[in-house]
C-alpha cells in the first residue's frame, strides 16, 4: 500500500496560481498511474487530471484544460498539479490518488484506486 500526502493548497484570488504536491511512500510509486481528483461542497468527487506511470500520457477534465498541468518525478516519488488562471469554480478539496495499474481510468471507480491522500483545500476568491 502506498501512503500519499498532499500539500500546497490555500487561498488565492481569481487569476492566481497554486502548485499542489503529492508525496508518496510505501509501494513502488513509479509502477502506477496517478490522479488528482477534486470535490466541491455538495458535489461528487471528480477526476481533474491523471498521468500514466511514466508520464507519457496525461488526461485533463475539460474544465481545466489549458490551465492545469499534471506532472510527476518518479525519482522523488512526487506528483504535482500546477494550477494557473484559477477561477472561483476551482474551489474544492483536492485529493491525489494512486491507481492500481500503470494506466489511469476516466471514471471515479473505487476498484481502480489503490490509495487516496487526505486532501488539501483550495479556495479561489472572486
Protein backbone atom coordinates (compact mmCIF):
# COMPACT_ATOMS: atom_id res chain seq x y z
CA UNK A 1 0.00 0.00 0.00
CA UNK A 2 1.28 3.46 -0.84
CA UNK A 3 0.80 6.39 1.50
CA UNK A 4 0.04 9.76 -0.07
CA UNK A 5 0.35 13.22 1.45
CA UNK A 6 -0.83 16.35 -0.39
CA UNK A 7 0.44 19.86 0.20
CA UNK A 8 0.28 23.27 -1.43
CA UNK A 9 -3.38 24.15 -1.07
CA UNK A 10 -4.56 27.51 0.20
CA UNK A 11 -6.48 30.69 -0.51
CA UNK A 12 -5.81 32.57 -3.74
CA UNK A 13 -7.51 35.28 -5.72
CA UNK A 14 -9.09 34.56 -9.08
CA UNK A 15 -6.45 34.58 -11.80
CA UNK A 16 -3.76 33.41 -9.40
CA UNK A 17 -1.75 30.20 -9.29
CA UNK A 18 -1.07 27.35 -6.90
CA UNK A 19 1.10 24.25 -7.12
CA UNK A 20 -0.07 21.11 -5.38
CA UNK A 21 2.33 18.32 -4.46
CA UNK A 22 1.63 14.71 -3.61
CA UNK A 23 4.43 12.86 -1.83
CA UNK A 24 4.28 9.06 -1.91
CA UNK A 25 5.85 6.41 0.27
CA UNK A 26 5.45 2.69 0.50
CA UNK A 27 4.99 0.56 -2.60
CA UNK A 28 6.77 1.44 -5.83
CA UNK A 29 5.45 4.86 -6.85
CA UNK A 30 6.75 4.65 -10.39
CA UNK A 31 4.82 1.49 -11.19
CA UNK A 32 1.37 3.07 -11.10
CA UNK A 33 -0.66 5.79 -12.74
CA UNK A 34 -1.65 8.72 -10.54
CA UNK A 35 -4.50 11.17 -10.50
CA UNK A 36 -5.76 14.40 -8.99
CA UNK A 37 -9.43 14.45 -8.02
CA UNK A 38 -11.46 17.26 -6.52
CA UNK A 39 -14.68 17.54 -4.60
CA UNK A 40 -16.60 20.76 -4.15
CA UNK A 41 -19.24 21.17 -1.42
CA UNK A 42 -22.42 19.34 -2.35
CA UNK A 43 -20.88 17.76 -5.42
CA UNK A 44 -19.46 14.38 -6.27
CA UNK A 45 -15.73 13.76 -6.45
CA UNK A 46 -14.46 14.19 -9.99
CA UNK A 47 -11.30 13.36 -11.87
CA UNK A 48 -9.39 16.55 -12.62
CA UNK A 49 -6.16 15.25 -14.15
CA UNK A 50 -4.32 11.97 -14.46
CA UNK A 51 -0.90 10.76 -15.55
CA UNK A 52 0.40 7.36 -16.57
CA UNK A 53 3.16 5.53 -14.72
CA UNK A 54 6.00 7.09 -16.76
CA UNK A 55 4.38 10.43 -17.51
CA UNK A 56 3.94 9.54 -21.16
CA UNK A 57 0.19 10.03 -21.14
CA UNK A 58 -1.93 12.64 -19.40
CA UNK A 59 -5.61 13.46 -19.12
CA UNK A 60 -7.38 16.68 -18.17
CA UNK A 61 -11.01 17.40 -17.50
CA UNK A 62 -12.43 19.91 -19.97
CA UNK A 63 -12.91 22.43 -17.18
CA UNK A 64 -9.15 22.67 -16.50
CA UNK A 65 -7.58 22.11 -19.93
CA UNK A 66 -5.07 24.80 -20.78
CA UNK A 67 -4.89 25.99 -17.15
CA UNK A 68 -3.68 22.99 -15.14
CA UNK A 69 -0.60 20.84 -15.72
CA UNK A 70 -0.02 17.46 -14.10
CA UNK A 71 3.48 16.04 -13.79
CA UNK A 72 5.44 13.51 -11.79
CA UNK A 73 9.01 12.96 -10.68
CA UNK A 74 9.49 9.26 -10.09
CA UNK A 75 12.96 9.81 -8.66
CA UNK A 76 11.38 11.92 -5.91
CA UNK A 77 8.20 9.85 -5.54
CA UNK A 78 6.20 13.01 -6.05
CA UNK A 79 3.37 14.16 -8.29
CA UNK A 80 2.43 17.77 -8.96
CA UNK A 81 -0.50 19.81 -10.18
CA UNK A 82 0.33 23.30 -11.42
CA UNK A 83 -2.85 25.36 -11.41
CA UNK A 84 -2.88 28.67 -13.26
CA UNK A 85 -5.62 31.18 -14.05
CA UNK A 86 -7.63 29.88 -11.13
CA UNK A 87 -11.36 30.51 -11.04
CA UNK A 88 -13.81 30.53 -8.11
CA UNK A 89 -15.34 27.34 -9.52
CA UNK A 90 -12.00 25.59 -8.91
CA UNK A 91 -12.67 25.85 -5.18
CA UNK A 92 -12.68 22.31 -3.78
CA UNK A 93 -10.79 19.79 -1.71
CA UNK A 94 -8.15 18.27 -3.96
CA UNK A 95 -7.13 14.65 -3.48
CA UNK A 96 -4.26 12.75 -5.02
CA UNK A 97 -4.71 9.07 -5.73
CA UNK A 98 -2.67 6.11 -6.87
CA UNK A 99 -4.27 3.76 -9.37
CA UNK A 100 -3.79 0.02 -9.18
CA UNK A 101 -2.47 -0.14 -12.75
CA UNK A 102 0.05 1.66 -14.97
CA UNK A 103 -2.74 3.43 -16.81
CA UNK A 104 -5.49 5.65 -15.48
CA UNK A 105 -9.24 5.44 -15.80
CA UNK A 106 -11.64 8.25 -16.65
CA UNK A 107 -14.25 7.36 -14.05
CA UNK A 108 -14.10 7.62 -10.29
CA UNK A 109 -14.22 3.90 -9.65
CA UNK A 110 -13.00 2.81 -6.20
CA UNK A 111 -11.92 -0.52 -7.69
CA UNK A 112 -9.25 1.27 -9.77
CA UNK A 113 -7.80 3.31 -6.87
CA UNK A 114 -5.25 1.76 -4.55
CA UNK A 115 -4.68 4.73 -2.25
CA UNK A 116 -6.07 8.20 -1.52
CA UNK A 117 -4.41 11.17 0.11
CA UNK A 118 -6.11 13.07 2.90
CA UNK A 119 -6.95 16.05 0.68
CA UNK A 120 -5.92 19.69 0.60
CA UNK A 121 -8.29 22.65 0.43
CA UNK A 122 -8.06 25.07 -2.48
CA UNK A 123 -10.16 28.22 -2.20
CA UNK A 124 -10.33 30.77 -5.01
CA UNK A 125 -11.87 34.11 -4.15
CA UNK A 126 -13.53 36.35 -6.72
